[in-house]
Amino acid sequence: MTFPLWLADTIAKSAQRAPASAGLPSAVAFLEIPARTEVVTIPTRHGEIRGTVYLPRTPDSGSGVYVNFHGGGFVTRHPEQDDALCRYVAANADVTVLNVDYVPAPQSRFPGPVEQAYDAVVWAAAATRPWNGAKLVVGGQSAGGALAAGAARLALERGGPAISLQVLMYPPLDLSVPARTKKKPDTESFLVRMGPIFDTAYCPDVGRRKDRLISPAGPSDRASLAGIAPALVVTAQRDILRDEGARYARRLADAGALVEHLDLPNVGHGFNLFGADRELVTTVYDRIVVHTSDATAPDRDGRH
């Protein structure tokens, strides 16, 4: 049964008008890490979008850049929910973090947000930026992870920009099948209920949901991923999106592009935003830092 587009759009717009959540629990907000930020404007083929730049501890034009895309089912617009991750990565990986405020659905439907994400990556990679765009990481949580994967795919297909690492946290990577079919015992129900709303608002054309930029873990995408950016994939065992994340991790491994797959037991979708303990969140963030640091490290001759 197809979810009515008018209803999906109405719910999506209502969610956009809702205020941001009260904030993360203090234990995982990492407010003890100082954040120096500035706002930038990023041109894309779909108009200008905003980005928040998090400066590293030791700002240096040779430091790399981590381009982050927030989650929200492709429909909400609260990039500030990723503040904790952004400040943690900027401080501990010593890179600039660019948190991108892309335009969500229904104002921008598929492939609009993916194209915005790719355009933001191209902008961030330019030699004129005050960071080293040749040392570039893309990442995101939930829908943002899907956009990061799409941006990496477009970079592969279009010959650039070079991406050193993609960080995909519990991403939706197969919209070609209904959310209700992804439910298993001991998995959460939230995305079973909300999935049809998100999917319909983002991509009303059911046939288009097989596209490689929206369902790279689906059965229709069989193209080679050879040469795609190396990836860290994070999945959560109580998340209905876990299996598609694991499938994509295997695809990346087959292409020689999987750096690590973290499959976390006993937690669900958005675990770091919705109450997981600090030890677990720190463990995951530290793996992101390690791989980001490796991907953006200076060359052996000392050049960034």
C-alpha atoms as a PDB file:
ATOM      1  CA  MET A   1       0.000   0.000   0.000  1.00  0.00           C
ATOM      2  CA  THR A   2       1.389   3.390  -1.038  1.00  0.00           C
ATOM      3  CA  PHE A   3       1.465   6.070   1.629  1.00  0.00           C
ATOM      4  CA  PRO A   4      -0.414   9.197   0.445  1.00  0.00           C
ATOM      5  CA  LEU A   5       2.025  11.859  -0.711  1.00  0.00           C
ATOM      6  CA  TRP A   6      -0.058  14.730   0.637  1.00  0.00           C
ATOM      7  CA  LEU A   7      -0.068  13.159   4.093  1.00  0.00           C
ATOM      8  CA  ALA A   8       3.667  12.388   4.035  1.00  0.00           C
ATOM      9  CA  ASP A   9       4.418  15.984   3.038  1.00  0.00           C
ATOM     10  CA  THR A  10       2.099  17.353   5.716  1.00  0.00           C
ATOM     11  CA  ILE A  11       3.775  15.278   8.433  1.00  0.00           C
ATOM     12  CA  ALA A  12       7.249  16.142   7.131  1.00  0.00           C
ATOM     13  CA  LYS A  13       6.547  19.878   7.161  1.00  0.00           C
ATOM     14  CA  SER A  14       5.047  19.600  10.638  1.00  0.00           C
ATOM     15  CA  ALA A  15       8.208  17.856  11.841  1.00  0.00           C
ATOM     16  CA  GLN A  16      10.280  20.655  10.351  1.00  0.00           C
ATOM     17  CA  ARG A  17       8.320  23.258  12.306  1.00  0.00           C
ATOM     18  CA  ALA A  18       8.807  21.413  15.559  1.00  0.00           C
ATOM     19  CA  PRO A  19      11.599  22.818  17.722  1.00  0.00           C
ATOM     20  CA  ALA A  20      14.825  20.926  18.037  1.00  0.00           C
ATOM     21  CA  SER A  21      15.025  18.491  20.915  1.00  0.00           C
ATOM     22  CA  ALA A  22      16.094  19.774  24.296  1.00  0.00           C
ATOM     23  CA  GLY A  23      19.562  18.441  23.630  1.00  0.00           C
ATOM     24  CA  LEU A  24      21.620  15.362  24.268  1.00  0.00           C
ATOM     25  CA  PRO A  25      22.120  13.978  27.751  1.00  0.00           C
ATOM     26  CA  SER A  26      25.052  15.846  29.260  1.00  0.00           C
ATOM     27  CA  ALA A  27      27.150  12.686  29.419  1.00  0.00           C
ATOM     28  CA  VAL A  28      27.273  12.408  25.616  1.00  0.00           C
ATOM     29  CA  ALA A  29      27.025  16.094  24.653  1.00  0.00           C
ATOM     30  CA  PHE A  30      30.796  16.551  25.187  1.00  0.00           C
ATOM     31  CA  LEU A  31      30.272  20.167  26.157  1.00  0.00           C
ATOM     32  CA  GLU A  32      33.585  20.038  28.014  1.00  0.00           C
ATOM     33  CA  ILE A  33      35.226  20.132  24.574  1.00  0.00           C
ATOM     34  CA  PRO A  34      35.350  23.771  23.476  1.00  0.00           C
ATOM     35  CA  ALA A  35      33.927  24.447  20.039  1.00  0.00           C
ATOM     36  CA  ARG A  36      35.044  27.362  17.906  1.00  0.00           C
ATOM     37  CA  THR A  37      32.602  27.687  15.047  1.00  0.00           C
ATOM     38  CA  GLU A  38      31.793  29.936  12.133  1.00  0.00           C
ATOM     39  CA  VAL A  39      29.022  29.877   9.552  1.00  0.00           C
ATOM     40  CA  VAL A  40      29.728  29.614   5.832  1.00  0.00           C
ATOM     41  CA  THR A  41      27.568  29.701   2.715  1.00  0.00           C
ATOM     42  CA  ILE A  42      27.926  26.839   0.259  1.00  0.00           C
ATOM     43  CA  PRO A  43      26.767  27.166  -3.356  1.00  0.00           C
ATOM     44  CA  THR A  44      24.993  24.146  -4.867  1.00  0.00           C
ATOM     45  CA  ARG A  45      23.017  23.504  -8.043  1.00  0.00           C
ATOM     46  CA  HIS A  46      19.888  23.734  -5.875  1.00  0.00           C
ATOM     47  CA  GLY A  47      20.763  27.078  -4.333  1.00  0.00           C
ATOM     48  CA  GLU A  48      22.882  28.211  -1.429  1.00  0.00           C
ATOM     49  CA  ILE A  49      22.970  26.216   1.792  1.00  0.00           C
ATOM     50  CA  ARG A  50      24.593  26.931   5.142  1.00  0.00           C
ATOM     51  CA  GLY A  51      27.347  25.070   6.870  1.00  0.00           C
ATOM     52  CA  THR A  52      28.834  25.343  10.335  1.00  0.00           C
ATOM     53  CA  VAL A  53      32.612  25.068  10.488  1.00  0.00           C
ATOM     54  CA  TYR A  54      34.153  23.552  13.625  1.00  0.00           C
ATOM     55  CA  LEU A  55      37.789  24.551  13.889  1.00  0.00           C
ATOM     56  CA  PRO A  56      40.398  22.060  15.092  1.00  0.00           C
ATOM     57  CA  ARG A  57      42.464  22.585  18.231  1.00  0.00           C
ATOM     58  CA  THR A  58      45.385  23.836  16.155  1.00  0.00           C
ATOM     59  CA  PRO A  59      43.953  25.494  13.025  1.00  0.00           C
ATOM     60  CA  ASP A  60      46.290  24.919  10.116  1.00  0.00           C
ATOM     61  CA  SER A  61      45.751  25.291   6.408  1.00  0.00           C
ATOM     62  CA  GLY A  62      47.293  21.845   6.097  1.00  0.00           C
ATOM     63  CA  SER A  63      44.672  20.121   8.240  1.00  0.00           C
ATOM     64  CA  GLY A  64      42.058  17.965   6.561  1.00  0.00           C
ATOM     65  CA  VAL A  65      38.300  18.418   6.497  1.00  0.00           C
ATOM     66  CA  TYR A  66      35.429  16.180   7.625  1.00  0.00           C
ATOM     67  CA  VAL A  67      32.160  16.996   5.813  1.00  0.00           C
ATOM     68  CA  ASN A  68      29.192  15.900   7.942  1.00  0.00           C
ATOM     69  CA  PHE A  69      25.547  15.388   6.982  1.00  0.00           C
ATOM     70  CA  HIS A  70      22.925  15.162   9.741  1.00  0.00           C
ATOM     71  CA  GLY A  71      20.086  12.678   9.948  1.00  0.00           C
ATOM     72  CA  GLY A  72      16.339  13.158  10.260  1.00  0.00           C
ATOM     73  CA  GLY A  73      14.686  10.820   7.786  1.00  0.00           C
ATOM     74  CA  PHE A  74      15.582  13.109   4.859  1.00  0.00           C
ATOM     75  CA  VAL A  75      12.858  15.488   6.080  1.00  0.00           C
ATOM     76  CA  THR A  76      13.996  17.351   9.211  1.00  0.00           C
ATOM     77  CA  ARG A  77      16.532  20.151   9.326  1.00  0.00           C
ATOM     78  CA  HIS A  78      18.344  20.110  12.656  1.00  0.00           C
ATOM     79  CA  PRO A  79      22.089  19.968  11.919  1.00  0.00           C
ATOM     80  CA  GLU A  80      22.741  21.024  15.514  1.00  0.00           C
ATOM     81  CA  GLN A  81      21.863  17.496  16.636  1.00  0.00           C
ATOM     82  CA  ASP A  82      25.330  16.505  15.393  1.00  0.00           C
ATOM     83  CA  ASP A  83      27.108  19.134  17.471  1.00  0.00           C
ATOM     84  CA  ALA A  84      28.594  16.585  19.885  1.00  0.00           C
ATOM     85  CA  LEU A  85      30.062  14.448  17.115  1.00  0.00           C
ATOM     86  CA  CYS A  86      31.365  17.496  15.255  1.00  0.00           C
ATOM     87  CA  ARG A  87      33.119  18.993  18.263  1.00  0.00           C
ATOM     88  CA  TYR A  88      34.545  15.589  19.237  1.00  0.00           C
ATOM     89  CA  VAL A  89      35.998  14.886  15.783  1.00  0.00           C
ATOM     90  CA  ALA A  90      37.350  18.414  15.307  1.00  0.00           C
ATOM     91  CA  ALA A  91      39.128  18.324  18.657  1.00  0.00           C
ATOM     92  CA  ASN A  92      40.430  14.772  18.666  1.00  0.00           C
ATOM     93  CA  ALA A  93      41.183  14.151  14.988  1.00  0.00           C
ATOM     94  CA  ASP A  94      42.525  17.709  14.646  1.00  0.00           C
ATOM     95  CA  VAL A  95      40.590  18.363  11.452  1.00  0.00           C
ATOM     96  CA  THR A  96      38.135  21.024  10.382  1.00  0.00           C
ATOM     97  CA  VAL A  97      34.551  19.727  10.478  1.00  0.00           C
ATOM     98  CA  LEU A  98      31.954  21.167   8.103  1.00  0.00           C
ATOM     99  CA  ASN A  99      28.414  20.404   9.295  1.00  0.00           C
ATOM    100  CA  VAL A 100      26.152  20.858   6.271  1.00  0.00           C
ATOM    101  CA  ASP A 101      22.593  22.197   6.537  1.00  0.00           C
ATOM    102  CA  TYR A 102      21.144  20.666   3.357  1.00  0.00           C
ATOM    103  CA  VAL A 103      17.553  21.266   2.211  1.00  0.00           C
ATOM    104  CA  PRO A 104      15.392  18.230   3.064  1.00  0.00           C
ATOM    105  CA  ALA A 105      12.194  16.834   1.563  1.00  0.00           C
ATOM    106  CA  PRO A 106       9.591  17.733   0.564  1.00  0.00           C
ATOM    107  CA  GLN A 107      11.238  21.055  -0.363  1.00  0.00           C
ATOM    108  CA  SER A 108      14.015  19.081  -2.048  1.00  0.00           C
ATOM    109  CA  ARG A 109      13.199  15.526  -3.055  1.00  0.00           C
ATOM    110  CA  PHE A 110      15.535  12.814  -4.318  1.00  0.00           C
ATOM    111  CA  PRO A 111      18.028  13.274  -5.890  1.00  0.00           C
ATOM    112  CA  GLY A 112      18.199  16.882  -4.656  1.00  0.00           C
ATOM    113  CA  PRO A 113      19.732  16.239  -1.211  1.00  0.00           C
ATOM    114  CA  VAL A 114      22.300  13.802  -2.654  1.00  0.00           C
ATOM    115  CA  GLU A 115      23.283  16.377  -5.259  1.00  0.00           C
ATOM    116  CA  GLN A 116      23.511  19.058  -2.576  1.00  0.00           C
ATOM    117  CA  ALA A 117      25.749  16.734  -0.554  1.00  0.00           C
ATOM    118  CA  TYR A 118      28.027  16.085  -3.514  1.00  0.00           C
ATOM    119  CA  ASP A 119      28.178  19.787  -4.386  1.00  0.00           C
ATOM    120  CA  ALA A 120      29.119  20.576  -0.777  1.00  0.00           C
ATOM    121  CA  VAL A 121      31.921  18.011  -0.964  1.00  0.00           C
ATOM    122  CA  VAL A 122      33.176  19.547  -4.218  1.00  0.00           C
ATOM    123  CA  TRP A 123      33.115  22.982  -2.574  1.00  0.00           C
ATOM    124  CA  ALA A 124      34.963  21.698   0.493  1.00  0.00           C
ATOM    125  CA  ALA A 125      37.631  20.086  -1.669  1.00  0.00           C
ATOM    126  CA  ALA A 126      38.550  23.318  -3.479  1.00  0.00           C
ATOM    127  CA  ALA A 127      42.136  24.472  -3.067  1.00  0.00           C
ATOM    128  CA  THR A 128      40.943  27.954  -2.047  1.00  0.00           C
ATOM    129  CA  ARG A 129      39.473  26.762   1.272  1.00  0.00           C
ATOM    130  CA  PRO A 130      41.318  27.472   4.541  1.00  0.00           C
ATOM    131  CA  TRP A 131      41.873  23.732   5.056  1.00  0.00           C
ATOM    132  CA  ASN A 132      43.389  20.958   2.981  1.00  0.00           C
ATOM    133  CA  GLY A 133      40.614  19.707   0.726  1.00  0.00           C
ATOM    134  CA  ALA A 134      42.896  16.988  -0.607  1.00  0.00           C
ATOM    135  CA  LYS A 135      42.527  15.283   2.798  1.00  0.00           C
ATOM    136  CA  LEU A 136      38.750  14.932   2.807  1.00  0.00           C
ATOM    137  CA  VAL A 137      36.367  12.735   4.787  1.00  0.00           C
ATOM    138  CA  VAL A 138      32.589  12.522   4.325  1.00  0.00           C
ATOM    139  CA  GLY A 139      30.271  11.177   6.988  1.00  0.00           C
ATOM    140  CA  GLY A 140      26.789  11.187   8.372  1.00  0.00           C
ATOM    141  CA  GLN A 141      24.296   9.608  10.718  1.00  0.00           C
ATOM    142  CA  SER A 142      21.104   7.908   9.526  1.00  0.00           C
ATOM    143  CA  ALA A 143      19.835   9.800   6.441  1.00  0.00           C
ATOM    144  CA  GLY A 144      23.079  11.776   6.572  1.00  0.00           C
ATOM    145  CA  GLY A 145      25.004   8.532   6.217  1.00  0.00           C
ATOM    146  CA  ALA A 146      22.997   7.725   3.113  1.00  0.00           C
ATOM    147  CA  LEU A 147      23.845  11.158   1.688  1.00  0.00           C
ATOM    148  CA  ALA A 148      27.528  10.627   2.487  1.00  0.00           C
ATOM    149  CA  ALA A 149      27.404   7.271   0.676  1.00  0.00           C
ATOM    150  CA  GLY A 150      25.691   8.932  -2.289  1.00  0.00           C
ATOM    151  CA  ALA A 151      28.278  11.700  -2.413  1.00  0.00           C
ATOM    152  CA  ALA A 152      31.064   9.117  -2.365  1.00  0.00           C
ATOM    153  CA  ARG A 153      29.370   7.217  -5.190  1.00  0.00           C
ATOM    154  CA  LEU A 154      29.068  10.359  -7.316  1.00  0.00           C
ATOM    155  CA  ALA A 155      32.715  11.171  -6.623  1.00  0.00           C
ATOM    156  CA  LEU A 156      33.630   7.692  -7.887  1.00  0.00           C
ATOM    157  CA  GLU A 157      31.526   8.049 -11.012  1.00  0.00           C
ATOM    158  CA  ARG A 158      32.644  11.590 -11.815  1.00  0.00           C
ATOM    159  CA  GLY A 159      36.321  11.160 -11.103  1.00  0.00           C
ATOM    160  CA  GLY A 160      36.466  13.282  -7.979  1.00  0.00           C
ATOM    161  CA  PRO A 161      36.935  14.921  -5.711  1.00  0.00           C
ATOM    162  CA  ALA A 162      39.178  12.414  -3.978  1.00  0.00           C
ATOM    163  CA  ILE A 163      37.618  11.221  -0.723  1.00  0.00           C
ATOM    164  CA  SER A 164      39.946   9.651   1.834  1.00  0.00           C
ATOM    165  CA  LEU A 165      37.221   8.076   3.992  1.00  0.00           C
ATOM    166  CA  GLN A 166      33.453   7.760   4.278  1.00  0.00           C
ATOM    167  CA  VAL A 167      31.853   7.298   7.706  1.00  0.00           C
ATOM    168  CA  LEU A 168      28.394   5.719   7.496  1.00  0.00           C
ATOM    169  CA  MET A 169      26.518   5.519  10.802  1.00  0.00           C
ATOM    170  CA  TYR A 170      23.353   3.373  10.806  1.00  0.00           C
ATOM    171  CA  PRO A 171      22.393   4.584   7.284  1.00  0.00           C
ATOM    172  CA  PRO A 172      19.245   3.689   5.312  1.00  0.00           C
ATOM    173  CA  LEU A 173      20.704   2.119   2.182  1.00  0.00           C
ATOM    174  CA  ASP A 174      17.803   0.174   0.692  1.00  0.00           C
ATOM    175  CA  LEU A 175      14.569   2.085   0.134  1.00  0.00           C
ATOM    176  CA  SER A 176      13.526  -0.375  -2.562  1.00  0.00           C
ATOM    177  CA  VAL A 177      11.671  -2.485   0.017  1.00  0.00           C
ATOM    178  CA  PRO A 178       9.069  -1.264   2.539  1.00  0.00           C
ATOM    179  CA  ALA A 179      10.174  -0.518   6.074  1.00  0.00           C
ATOM    180  CA  ARG A 180       7.664  -2.982   7.515  1.00  0.00           C
ATOM    181  CA  THR A 181       9.456  -5.903   5.833  1.00  0.00           C
ATOM    182  CA  LYS A 182      12.662  -5.022   7.680  1.00  0.00           C
ATOM    183  CA  LYS A 183      11.180  -5.664  11.129  1.00  0.00           C
ATOM    184  CA  LYS A 184      12.595  -8.649  12.973  1.00  0.00           C
ATOM    185  CA  PRO A 185      12.189  -9.911  16.525  1.00  0.00           C
ATOM    186  CA  ASP A 186      14.021  -7.706  19.022  1.00  0.00           C
ATOM    187  CA  THR A 187      14.315  -4.781  16.631  1.00  0.00           C
ATOM    188  CA  GLU A 188      12.738  -1.378  17.141  1.00  0.00           C
ATOM    189  CA  SER A 189       9.408  -0.305  15.681  1.00  0.00           C
ATOM    190  CA  PHE A 190       9.902   3.466  15.313  1.00  0.00           C
ATOM    191  CA  LEU A 191      11.234   3.328  11.757  1.00  0.00           C
ATOM    192  CA  VAL A 192       8.601   0.773  10.795  1.00  0.00           C
ATOM    193  CA  ARG A 193       5.999   3.452  11.522  1.00  0.00           C
ATOM    194  CA  MET A 194       7.947   6.446  10.212  1.00  0.00           C
ATOM    195  CA  GLY A 195       9.697   4.795   7.271  1.00  0.00           C
ATOM    196  CA  PRO A 196       6.737   5.068   4.873  1.00  0.00           C
ATOM    197  CA  ILE A 197       6.448   8.792   5.664  1.00  0.00           C
ATOM    198  CA  PHE A 198      10.149   9.456   5.203  1.00  0.00           C
ATOM    199  CA  ASP A 199      10.437   7.356   2.033  1.00  0.00           C
ATOM    200  CA  THR A 200       7.339   8.867   0.417  1.00  0.00           C
ATOM    201  CA  ALA A 201       8.292  12.466   1.129  1.00  0.00           C
ATOM    202  CA  TYR A 202      11.869  11.902  -0.038  1.00  0.00           C
ATOM    203  CA  CYS A 203      11.173   9.793  -3.119  1.00  0.00           C
ATOM    204  CA  PRO A 204       7.478   9.557  -4.079  1.00  0.00           C
ATOM    205  CA  ASP A 205       8.256   7.538  -7.220  1.00  0.00           C
ATOM    206  CA  VAL A 206       8.496   3.982  -5.870  1.00  0.00           C
ATOM    207  CA  GLY A 207      10.308   2.828  -9.000  1.00  0.00           C
ATOM    208  CA  ARG A 208      13.092   5.358  -8.452  1.00  0.00           C
ATOM    209  CA  ARG A 209      13.855   3.928  -5.048  1.00  0.00           C
ATOM    210  CA  LYS A 210      15.974   1.267  -6.778  1.00  0.00           C
ATOM    211  CA  ASP A 211      18.446   3.947  -7.880  1.00  0.00           C
ATOM    212  CA  ARG A 212      22.058   3.341  -6.798  1.00  0.00           C
ATOM    213  CA  LEU A 213      22.137   6.722  -5.025  1.00  0.00           C
ATOM    214  CA  ILE A 214      19.242   5.772  -2.781  1.00  0.00           C
ATOM    215  CA  SER A 215      19.499   1.963  -2.478  1.00  0.00           C
ATOM    216  CA  PRO A 216      23.145   0.921  -2.923  1.00  0.00           C
ATOM    217  CA  ALA A 217      22.449  -2.068  -0.667  1.00  0.00           C
ATOM    218  CA  GLY A 218      19.434  -3.117  -2.751  1.00  0.00           C
ATOM    219  CA  PRO A 219      19.429  -5.954  -5.277  1.00  0.00           C
ATOM    220  CA  SER A 220      19.208  -3.667  -8.323  1.00  0.00           C
ATOM    221  CA  ASP A 221      22.612  -2.051  -7.859  1.00  0.00           C
ATOM    222  CA  ARG A 222      25.222  -4.437  -9.183  1.00  0.00           C
ATOM    223  CA  ALA A 223      27.775  -1.977 -10.526  1.00  0.00           C
ATOM    224  CA  SER A 224      31.380  -2.301  -9.446  1.00  0.00           C
ATOM    225  CA  LEU A 225      32.423  -0.221  -6.453  1.00  0.00           C
ATOM    226  CA  ALA A 226      36.121  -0.595  -7.249  1.00  0.00           C
ATOM    227  CA  GLY A 227      37.887   2.638  -6.416  1.00  0.00           C
ATOM    228  CA  ILE A 228      35.210   4.043  -4.105  1.00  0.00           C
ATOM    229  CA  ALA A 229      36.352   5.806  -0.927  1.00  0.00           C
ATOM    230  CA  PRO A 230      37.290   3.507   1.966  1.00  0.00           C
ATOM    231  CA  ALA A 231      34.529   3.254   4.555  1.00  0.00           C
ATOM    232  CA  LEU A 232      33.847   2.865   8.233  1.00  0.00           C
ATOM    233  CA  VAL A 233      30.337   1.430   8.614  1.00  0.00           C
ATOM    234  CA  VAL A 234      28.514   1.512  11.963  1.00  0.00           C
ATOM    235  CA  THR A 235      25.377  -0.583  12.458  1.00  0.00           C
ATOM    236  CA  ALA A 236      23.203  -1.268  15.506  1.00  0.00           C
ATOM    237  CA  GLN A 237      21.683  -4.684  16.067  1.00  0.00           C
ATOM    238  CA  ARG A 238      18.275  -3.443  17.282  1.00  0.00           C
ATOM    239  CA  ASP A 239      17.931  -1.131  14.268  1.00  0.00           C
ATOM    240  CA  ILE A 240      15.738  -2.343  11.378  1.00  0.00           C
ATOM    241  CA  LEU A 241      18.365  -0.797   9.058  1.00  0.00           C
ATOM    242  CA  ARG A 242      21.096  -3.038  10.424  1.00  0.00           C
ATOM    243  CA  ASP A 243      20.918  -5.706   7.700  1.00  0.00           C
ATOM    244  CA  GLU A 244      21.173  -3.287   4.789  1.00  0.00           C
ATOM    245  CA  GLY A 245      24.125  -1.572   6.444  1.00  0.00           C
ATOM    246  CA  ALA A 246      25.804  -4.945   6.853  1.00  0.00           C
ATOM    247  CA  ARG A 247      25.067  -5.846   3.222  1.00  0.00           C
ATOM    248  CA  TYR A 248      26.649  -2.627   2.043  1.00  0.00           C
ATOM    249  CA  ALA A 249      29.656  -3.239   4.279  1.00  0.00           C
ATOM    250  CA  ARG A 250      30.104  -6.601   2.542  1.00  0.00           C
ATOM    251  CA  ARG A 251      29.860  -4.893  -0.866  1.00  0.00           C
ATOM    252  CA  LEU A 252      32.532  -2.449   0.184  1.00  0.00           C
ATOM    253  CA  ALA A 253      34.694  -5.271   1.513  1.00  0.00           C
ATOM    254  CA  ASP A 254      34.393  -7.095  -1.818  1.00  0.00           C
ATOM    255  CA  ALA A 255      35.601  -3.895  -3.499  1.00  0.00           C
ATOM    256  CA  GLY A 256      38.534  -3.606  -1.095  1.00  0.00           C
ATOM    257  CA  ALA A 257      37.016  -0.459   0.397  1.00  0.00           C
ATOM    258  CA  LEU A 258      35.925  -1.490   3.905  1.00  0.00           C
ATOM    259  CA  VAL A 259      38.137  -0.111   6.667  1.00  0.00           C
ATOM    260  CA  GLU A 260      35.990  -1.392   9.517  1.00  0.00           C
ATOM    261  CA  HIS A 261      32.442  -2.524  10.252  1.00  0.00           C
ATOM    262  CA  LEU A 262      31.305  -1.847  13.812  1.00  0.00           C
ATOM    263  CA  ASP A 263      28.173  -3.872  14.550  1.00  0.00           C
ATOM    264  CA  LEU A 264      26.989  -2.778  17.975  1.00  0.00           C
ATOM    265  CA  PRO A 265      24.998  -5.170  20.174  1.00  0.00           C
ATOM    266  CA  ASN A 266      22.020  -4.184  22.344  1.00  0.00           C
ATOM    267  CA  VAL A 267      21.481  -0.713  20.898  1.00  0.00           C
ATOM    268  CA  GLY A 268      19.214   0.710  18.250  1.00  0.00           C
ATOM    269  CA  HIS A 269      18.983   3.437  15.651  1.00  0.00           C
ATOM    270  CA  GLY A 270      20.397   6.765  16.779  1.00  0.00           C
ATOM    271  CA  PHE A 271      21.916   5.181  19.881  1.00  0.00           C
ATOM    272  CA  ASN A 272      24.331   8.091  20.370  1.00  0.00           C
ATOM    273  CA  LEU A 273      21.486  10.609  20.251  1.00  0.00           C
ATOM    274  CA  PHE A 274      18.950   8.713  22.340  1.00  0.00           C
ATOM    275  CA  GLY A 275      20.475   7.630  25.595  1.00  0.00           C
ATOM    276  CA  ALA A 276      23.355   5.210  25.005  1.00  0.00           C
ATOM    277  CA  ASP A 277      25.961   5.341  27.747  1.00  0.00           C
ATOM    278  CA  ARG A 278      29.034   7.520  27.398  1.00  0.00           C
ATOM    279  CA  GLU A 279      31.448   4.591  27.252  1.00  0.00           C
ATOM    280  CA  LEU A 280      29.803   3.147  24.144  1.00  0.00           C
ATOM    281  CA  VAL A 281      29.422   6.502  22.411  1.00  0.00           C
ATOM    282  CA  THR A 282      33.036   7.399  23.162  1.00  0.00           C
ATOM    283  CA  THR A 283      34.202   4.040  21.840  1.00  0.00           C
ATOM    284  CA  VAL A 284      32.436   4.648  18.526  1.00  0.00           C
ATOM    285  CA  TYR A 285      33.561   8.265  18.255  1.00  0.00           C
ATOM    286  CA  ASP A 286      37.131   7.200  18.990  1.00  0.00           C
ATOM    287  CA  ARG A 287      37.032   4.743  16.090  1.00  0.00           C
ATOM    288  CA  ILE A 288      35.831   7.576  13.852  1.00  0.00           C
ATOM    289  CA  VAL A 289      38.699   9.717  15.134  1.00  0.00           C
ATOM    290  CA  VAL A 290      41.288   6.990  14.533  1.00  0.00           C
ATOM    291  CA  HIS A 291      40.186   6.377  10.968  1.00  0.00           C
ATOM    292  CA  THR A 292      39.775  10.090  10.245  1.00  0.00           C
ATOM    293  CA  SER A 293      43.257  10.790  11.594  1.00  0.00           C
ATOM    294  CA  ASP A 294      44.705   7.996   9.470  1.00  0.00           C
ATOM    295  CA  ALA A 295      42.870   9.218   6.369  1.00  0.00           C
ATOM    296  CA  THR A 296      43.995  12.827   6.793  1.00  0.00           C
ATOM    297  CA  ALA A 297      47.532  12.203   8.061  1.00  0.00           C
ATOM    298  CA  PRO A 298      50.458  14.022   6.455  1.00  0.00           C
ATOM    299  CA  ASP A 299      52.289  12.204   3.725  1.00  0.00           C
ATOM    300  CA  ARG A 300      55.496  10.434   4.678  1.00  0.00           C
ATOM    301  CA  ASP A 301      57.571  13.403   3.560  1.00  0.00           C
ATOM    302  CA  GLY A 302      55.683  15.585   6.042  1.00  0.00           C
ATOM    303  CA  ARG A 303      53.323  17.198   3.537  1.00  0.00           C
ATOM    304  CA  HIS A 304      49.588  17.329   4.288  1.00  0.00           C
END
